[in-house]
N, C-alpha and C. Protein backbone atom coordinates (compact mmCIF):
# COMPACT_ATOMS: atom_id res chain seq x y z
N UNK A 1 133.76 80.90 88.48
CA UNK A 1 132.91 81.55 89.05
C UNK A 1 131.40 81.15 88.47
N UNK A 2 130.69 80.87 89.32
CA UNK A 2 129.38 80.50 88.87
C UNK A 2 128.64 81.63 87.82
N UNK A 3 127.89 81.20 87.14
CA UNK A 3 127.00 82.03 85.97
C UNK A 3 125.59 82.11 86.52
N UNK A 4 125.08 83.47 86.50
CA UNK A 4 123.92 83.60 86.71
C UNK A 4 122.72 82.46 86.10
N UNK A 5 121.94 82.05 86.92
CA UNK A 5 121.00 80.88 86.54
C UNK A 5 121.16 79.60 86.51
N UNK A 6 122.89 79.29 86.96
CA UNK A 6 123.33 77.91 86.91
C UNK A 6 122.81 77.00 87.99
N UNK A 7 122.03 77.54 89.07
CA UNK A 7 121.56 77.02 90.33
C UNK A 7 122.43 76.88 91.41
N UNK A 8 123.52 77.39 91.00
CA UNK A 8 124.58 77.31 92.28
C UNK A 8 124.56 78.69 93.08
N UNK A 9 124.88 78.38 94.35
CA UNK A 9 124.55 79.08 95.65
C UNK A 9 125.65 80.45 95.46
N UNK A 10 125.09 81.54 95.37
CA UNK A 10 126.36 82.72 95.18
C UNK A 10 126.64 83.23 96.17
N UNK A 11 126.10 83.38 97.57
CA UNK A 11 126.45 84.09 98.85
C UNK A 11 127.32 83.37 99.24
N UNK A 12 128.17 84.73 100.13
CA UNK A 12 129.33 84.07 100.66
C UNK A 12 128.96 83.77 102.17
N UNK A 13 127.78 84.25 102.70
CA UNK A 13 127.40 83.87 104.28
C UNK A 13 125.80 83.47 104.18
N UNK A 14 125.54 82.46 104.95
CA UNK A 14 124.06 82.12 105.26
C UNK A 14 123.28 83.36 105.58
N UNK A 15 122.12 83.28 105.09
CA UNK A 15 121.07 84.40 105.23
C UNK A 15 120.08 83.41 106.09
N UNK A 16 119.50 84.67 106.83
CA UNK A 16 118.55 84.36 108.20
C UNK A 16 117.42 84.89 107.88
N UNK A 17 116.60 84.12 107.84
CA UNK A 17 114.93 84.56 107.36
C UNK A 17 114.46 85.10 108.39
N UNK A 18 114.23 86.48 108.15
CA UNK A 18 113.45 87.33 109.02
C UNK A 18 111.87 87.02 109.65
N UNK A 19 111.77 86.51 110.55
CA UNK A 19 110.09 86.43 110.89
C UNK A 19 109.25 87.57 111.46
N UNK A 20 108.47 87.87 110.85
CA UNK A 20 107.76 89.04 111.13
C UNK A 20 107.72 89.84 110.13
N UNK A 21 107.39 91.20 110.25
CA UNK A 21 107.55 92.50 109.32
C UNK A 21 108.63 93.21 109.58
N UNK A 22 109.46 93.29 108.86
CA UNK A 22 110.90 94.32 108.99
C UNK A 22 110.78 95.01 107.79
N UNK A 23 110.83 96.56 108.11
CA UNK A 23 110.68 97.27 107.28
C UNK A 23 112.28 98.03 107.06
N UNK A 24 112.16 98.69 105.66
CA UNK A 24 113.24 99.63 105.58
C UNK A 24 112.73 100.55 104.70
N UNK A 25 113.50 101.74 104.25
CA UNK A 25 113.12 102.49 103.29
C UNK A 25 114.08 102.91 102.49
N UNK A 26 113.45 103.44 101.08
CA UNK A 26 114.61 103.80 99.96
C UNK A 26 114.51 105.25 99.93
N UNK A 27 115.31 105.93 99.59
CA UNK A 27 115.38 107.23 99.78
C UNK A 27 114.55 108.17 100.85
N UNK A 28 114.47 107.41 101.49
CA UNK A 28 113.42 107.83 102.82
C UNK A 28 112.27 108.08 102.41
N UNK A 29 111.55 107.26 101.25
CA UNK A 29 109.75 107.84 101.02
C UNK A 29 109.07 106.46 101.00
N UNK A 30 109.67 105.58 100.47
CA UNK A 30 108.81 104.25 100.58
C UNK A 30 109.46 103.19 101.21
N UNK A 31 108.53 102.72 101.97
CA UNK A 31 108.58 101.80 103.14
C UNK A 31 108.98 100.42 102.02
N UNK A 32 109.72 99.17 102.86
CA UNK A 32 109.83 98.23 102.13
C UNK A 32 110.59 97.24 103.00
N UNK A 33 109.96 95.90 103.07
CA UNK A 33 110.39 94.73 103.95
C UNK A 33 111.78 94.23 103.39
N UNK A 34 112.47 93.80 104.57
CA UNK A 34 113.76 93.09 104.36
C UNK A 34 113.43 91.90 104.49
N UNK A 35 113.68 91.16 103.33
CA UNK A 35 113.48 89.38 102.98
C UNK A 35 114.43 88.77 104.13
N UNK A 36 115.35 88.75 104.23
CA UNK A 36 116.59 88.15 104.62
C UNK A 36 117.76 88.97 104.72
N UNK A 37 118.42 88.67 105.62
CA UNK A 37 119.59 89.36 106.09
C UNK A 37 120.92 88.64 106.44
N UNK A 38 121.97 89.00 106.26
CA UNK A 38 123.25 88.15 106.96
C UNK A 38 124.37 88.87 107.26
N UNK A 39 125.33 88.57 107.74
CA UNK A 39 126.74 89.51 107.89
C UNK A 39 127.15 90.07 106.67
N UNK A 40 126.84 89.57 105.94
CA UNK A 40 127.46 90.33 104.36
C UNK A 40 126.58 91.03 103.90
N UNK A 41 125.17 90.70 103.95
CA UNK A 41 124.23 91.79 102.99
C UNK A 41 122.88 91.38 103.31
N UNK A 42 121.99 91.74 102.75
CA UNK A 42 120.47 91.56 102.86
C UNK A 42 119.39 91.70 101.56
N UNK A 43 118.37 91.12 101.52
CA UNK A 43 117.48 91.34 100.72
C UNK A 43 116.39 91.95 100.72
N UNK A 44 116.14 92.80 100.02
CA UNK A 44 114.82 93.84 100.44
C UNK A 44 113.80 93.93 99.39
N UNK A 45 112.55 94.16 99.74
CA UNK A 45 111.98 94.51 98.50
C UNK A 45 111.36 95.95 98.66
N UNK A 46 111.58 96.54 97.32
CA UNK A 46 111.06 97.96 97.01
C UNK A 46 110.07 98.18 95.59
N UNK A 47 109.56 99.31 95.99
CA UNK A 47 108.96 99.68 94.63
C UNK A 47 109.64 100.25 93.27
N UNK A 48 110.97 100.52 93.37
CA UNK A 48 111.51 100.93 92.20
C UNK A 48 112.86 99.94 92.03
N UNK A 49 113.31 99.85 90.72
CA UNK A 49 114.53 99.26 90.60
C UNK A 49 115.49 100.07 90.73
N UNK A 50 116.77 99.37 91.37
CA UNK A 50 118.05 100.13 91.77
C UNK A 50 118.89 99.41 91.20
N UNK A 51 119.83 100.71 90.61
CA UNK A 51 121.01 100.24 89.76
C UNK A 51 122.21 99.50 90.31
N UNK A 52 122.43 98.25 89.93
CA UNK A 52 123.85 97.41 90.79
C UNK A 52 124.84 98.49 90.50
N UNK A 53 125.76 98.50 91.54
CA UNK A 53 126.87 99.10 91.86
C UNK A 53 126.45 100.55 92.72
N UNK A 54 124.97 100.93 92.72
CA UNK A 54 124.93 102.20 93.67
C UNK A 54 124.79 101.68 94.94
N UNK A 55 125.66 102.85 95.62
CA UNK A 55 125.45 102.52 97.22
C UNK A 55 125.01 103.46 98.05
N UNK A 56 124.03 102.54 98.96
CA UNK A 56 123.06 103.10 99.78
C UNK A 56 123.44 102.80 101.34
N UNK A 57 122.80 103.60 102.17
CA UNK A 57 122.95 103.15 103.70
C UNK A 57 121.57 102.52 104.26
N UNK A 58 121.99 101.44 104.82
CA UNK A 58 120.73 100.59 105.31
C UNK A 58 120.90 100.66 107.02
N UNK A 59 119.92 101.29 107.46
CA UNK A 59 119.75 101.66 108.72
C UNK A 59 118.94 100.54 109.52
N UNK A 60 119.23 99.73 110.27
CA UNK A 60 118.43 98.66 111.11
C UNK A 60 118.80 98.66 112.49
N UNK A 61 117.61 98.40 113.25
CA UNK A 61 117.55 98.09 114.75
C UNK A 61 118.05 96.66 115.10
N UNK A 62 118.95 96.28 115.29
CA UNK A 62 119.36 95.00 115.83
C UNK A 62 119.68 94.72 117.34
N UNK A 63 119.12 93.80 117.85
CA UNK A 63 119.20 93.66 119.58
C UNK A 63 119.22 94.93 120.24
N UNK A 64 118.46 95.91 119.61
CA UNK A 64 118.50 97.30 120.47
C UNK A 64 119.25 98.31 120.15
N UNK A 65 120.09 97.85 119.08
CA UNK A 65 121.19 98.98 118.64
C UNK A 65 120.57 99.22 117.19
N UNK A 66 121.16 100.48 116.99
CA UNK A 66 120.96 101.34 115.70
C UNK A 66 122.30 101.00 114.99
N UNK A 67 122.21 100.24 113.63
CA UNK A 67 123.22 99.93 113.02
C UNK A 67 122.91 101.11 111.73
N UNK A 68 124.00 101.51 110.84
CA UNK A 68 124.26 102.04 109.93
C UNK A 68 124.92 101.35 108.97
N UNK A 69 124.72 100.81 107.93
CA UNK A 69 125.60 100.02 106.93
C UNK A 69 125.50 100.17 105.60
N UNK A 70 126.68 100.57 105.09
CA UNK A 70 126.90 101.08 103.85
C UNK A 70 126.88 99.77 103.00
N UNK A 71 125.81 99.72 101.79
CA UNK A 71 125.47 98.59 101.12
C UNK A 71 125.45 98.95 99.49
N UNK A 72 126.13 98.14 98.88
CA UNK A 72 126.16 98.32 97.48
C UNK A 72 125.32 97.21 96.78
N UNK A 73 124.14 98.08 95.56
CA UNK A 73 123.50 97.15 95.16
C UNK A 73 124.20 96.06 94.19
N UNK A 74 123.80 94.75 94.33
CA UNK A 74 124.61 93.59 93.59
C UNK A 74 123.36 93.46 92.49
N UNK A 75 122.22 93.22 92.83
CA UNK A 75 120.95 92.93 91.83
C UNK A 75 119.77 93.52 92.04
N UNK A 76 119.12 93.56 90.97
CA UNK A 76 117.75 94.29 91.17
C UNK A 76 116.87 93.76 90.32
N UNK A 77 115.78 92.91 90.61
CA UNK A 77 114.81 91.96 89.83
C UNK A 77 113.62 92.24 90.17
N UNK A 78 113.02 92.07 89.06
CA UNK A 78 111.35 92.28 89.46
C UNK A 78 110.72 90.89 90.08
N UNK A 79 110.01 91.26 91.22
CA UNK A 79 109.50 90.20 92.05
C UNK A 79 108.01 89.88 91.67
N UNK A 80 107.31 90.63 91.40
CA UNK A 80 106.00 90.98 91.10
C UNK A 80 105.14 91.91 90.82
N UNK A 81 104.04 91.57 90.62
CA UNK A 81 102.87 93.03 90.38
C UNK A 81 101.95 92.92 91.57
N UNK A 82 101.75 94.17 92.04
CA UNK A 82 100.82 94.08 93.30
C UNK A 82 99.59 95.21 92.88
N UNK A 83 98.75 94.97 93.54
CA UNK A 83 97.76 96.15 93.28
C UNK A 83 97.77 97.18 94.49
N UNK A 84 97.65 98.28 93.96
CA UNK A 84 98.02 99.44 94.84
C UNK A 84 96.79 99.68 95.57
N UNK A 85 96.81 100.61 96.59
CA UNK A 85 95.34 101.27 97.48
C UNK A 85 94.62 101.71 96.37
N UNK A 86 94.86 102.43 95.14
CA UNK A 86 94.08 102.86 94.23
C UNK A 86 93.58 101.98 93.08
N UNK A 87 93.94 100.86 93.21
CA UNK A 87 93.65 99.67 92.28
C UNK A 87 94.59 99.56 91.18
N UNK A 88 95.87 100.47 91.18
CA UNK A 88 96.95 100.57 90.20
C UNK A 88 97.83 99.43 90.39
N UNK A 89 98.50 98.72 89.26
CA UNK A 89 99.37 97.73 89.46
C UNK A 89 100.43 98.53 89.77
N UNK A 90 101.14 97.77 90.58
CA UNK A 90 102.43 98.18 91.49
C UNK A 90 103.59 97.11 91.20
N UNK A 91 104.71 97.43 90.51
CA UNK A 91 105.74 96.48 90.46
C UNK A 91 106.34 96.61 91.54
N UNK A 92 106.76 95.53 92.18
CA UNK A 92 107.66 94.91 93.28
C UNK A 92 109.28 94.47 92.73
N UNK A 93 110.18 95.08 93.35
CA UNK A 93 111.46 94.88 93.07
C UNK A 93 112.05 94.03 94.14
N UNK A 94 112.92 92.65 94.14
CA UNK A 94 113.60 92.44 95.08
C UNK A 94 115.25 92.87 94.82
N UNK A 95 115.70 93.45 96.05
CA UNK A 95 117.17 93.97 95.70
C UNK A 95 118.19 93.44 96.36
N UNK A 96 118.86 92.94 96.18
CA UNK A 96 120.20 92.31 96.84
C UNK A 96 121.36 93.52 96.86
N UNK A 97 121.48 93.83 98.57
CA UNK A 97 122.95 94.42 98.64
C UNK A 97 123.94 93.57 99.35
N UNK A 98 125.01 94.17 99.25
CA UNK A 98 126.46 93.79 99.88
C UNK A 98 126.46 94.92 100.65
N UNK A 99 126.95 94.55 102.13
CA UNK A 99 127.49 95.44 103.08
C UNK A 99 129.22 95.58 102.82
N UNK A 100 129.49 96.95 102.78
CA UNK A 100 130.79 97.42 102.21
C UNK A 100 131.18 98.20 103.12
N UNK A 101 132.62 98.25 103.56
CA UNK A 101 133.36 99.05 104.36
C UNK A 101 132.83 98.67 105.70
N UNK A 102 132.41 97.61 106.07
CA UNK A 102 132.21 97.45 107.62
C UNK A 102 133.13 97.38 108.65
N UNK A 103 133.28 98.07 109.69
CA UNK A 103 133.97 97.87 110.97
C UNK A 103 133.97 96.84 111.57
N UNK A 104 134.72 96.31 112.47
CA UNK A 104 134.48 94.87 113.54
C UNK A 104 133.38 95.23 114.09
N UNK A 105 132.79 96.53 114.99
CA UNK A 105 131.87 96.99 115.50
C UNK A 105 130.66 96.49 115.09
N UNK A 106 130.57 96.80 113.78
CA UNK A 106 128.94 96.23 112.92
C UNK A 106 129.00 94.83 112.50
N UNK A 107 130.22 94.22 112.25
CA UNK A 107 130.35 92.91 111.83
C UNK A 107 129.95 92.12 113.14
N UNK A 108 130.55 92.37 114.46
CA UNK A 108 130.50 91.83 115.69
C UNK A 108 128.65 91.85 115.93
N UNK A 109 128.13 93.22 115.84
CA UNK A 109 126.59 93.43 116.04
C UNK A 109 125.83 92.50 115.22
N UNK A 110 126.47 92.43 113.96
CA UNK A 110 125.58 91.22 112.86
C UNK A 110 125.46 90.03 113.28
N UNK A 111 126.97 89.45 113.81
CA UNK A 111 126.88 88.09 114.04
C UNK A 111 126.33 88.06 115.46
N UNK A 112 126.45 88.63 116.16
CA UNK A 112 125.97 88.44 117.28
C UNK A 112 124.21 88.47 117.46
N UNK A 113 123.50 89.07 116.61
CA UNK A 113 122.36 89.40 116.50
C UNK A 113 121.24 88.64 115.36
N UNK A 114 122.17 88.01 114.58
CA UNK A 114 121.50 87.23 113.59
C UNK A 114 121.27 85.81 113.66
N UNK A 115 120.87 85.58 114.91
CA UNK A 115 120.26 84.21 115.41
C UNK A 115 118.79 84.26 115.00
N UNK A 116 118.24 82.94 114.46
CA UNK A 116 116.57 82.95 114.22
C UNK A 116 116.13 83.78 115.25
N UNK A 117 116.22 83.66 116.46
CA UNK A 117 115.35 84.45 117.40
C UNK A 117 115.75 86.04 117.59
N UNK A 118 116.69 86.24 116.93
CA UNK A 118 116.96 87.83 117.11
C UNK A 118 116.07 88.82 116.76
N UNK A 119 116.10 89.79 117.50
CA UNK A 119 114.87 90.68 117.31
C UNK A 119 115.06 91.81 116.37
N UNK A 120 115.31 91.84 115.07
CA UNK A 120 115.47 92.48 113.78
C UNK A 120 114.27 93.19 113.76
N UNK A 121 114.23 94.41 113.85
CA UNK A 121 112.97 95.46 114.23
C UNK A 121 112.81 96.46 113.04
N UNK A 122 113.50 96.92 112.65
CA UNK A 122 113.18 97.84 111.45
C UNK A 122 114.45 98.61 110.64
N UNK A 123 114.35 99.06 109.59
CA UNK A 123 115.66 99.53 108.83
C UNK A 123 115.11 100.48 107.59
N UNK A 124 116.05 101.01 107.32
CA UNK A 124 115.82 102.30 106.22
C UNK A 124 116.75 102.13 105.20
N UNK A 125 116.80 102.22 104.16
CA UNK A 125 117.69 102.51 103.06
C UNK A 125 117.85 103.61 102.24
N UNK A 126 118.79 104.33 102.48
CA UNK A 126 118.94 105.77 101.89
C UNK A 126 120.32 105.74 100.95
N UNK A 127 120.29 106.61 99.89
CA UNK A 127 121.16 106.63 99.20
C UNK A 127 122.45 107.28 99.84
N UNK A 128 123.11 106.60 99.59
CA UNK A 128 124.82 107.07 100.21
C UNK A 128 125.56 108.12 99.10
N UNK A 129 125.52 109.45 99.59
CA UNK A 129 126.01 110.34 98.55
C UNK A 129 127.72 110.73 99.10
N UNK A 130 128.18 109.92 99.96
CA UNK A 130 129.60 110.10 100.05
C UNK A 130 130.64 109.74 98.89
């Protein structure tokens, strides 16, 4: 098993860089862009650190279809510091999530719509209380 920081690729599936602004929501409060997405997971930017192992629901529109994807946080790392609207410093986190418990319908929709020209429109990330 590769160690963190050893430079080896840890992803199970190739990621697609999302062209254009793709938004998601964490706790349905703060908007966050999706950096990249694959058949098995996604990388999102959020204004809060999320605890690894926590499960959320990522709602994404792909190819005109609304998908609800249960997602487990794999890692959450500081991406950088930005200046907020009021001049305050705001920490941005990049959070990697792994899709869990997907049915064949969701997998097929992801597989079909994750071409470089696919229309990923937006997404919402909410805590999964199930």
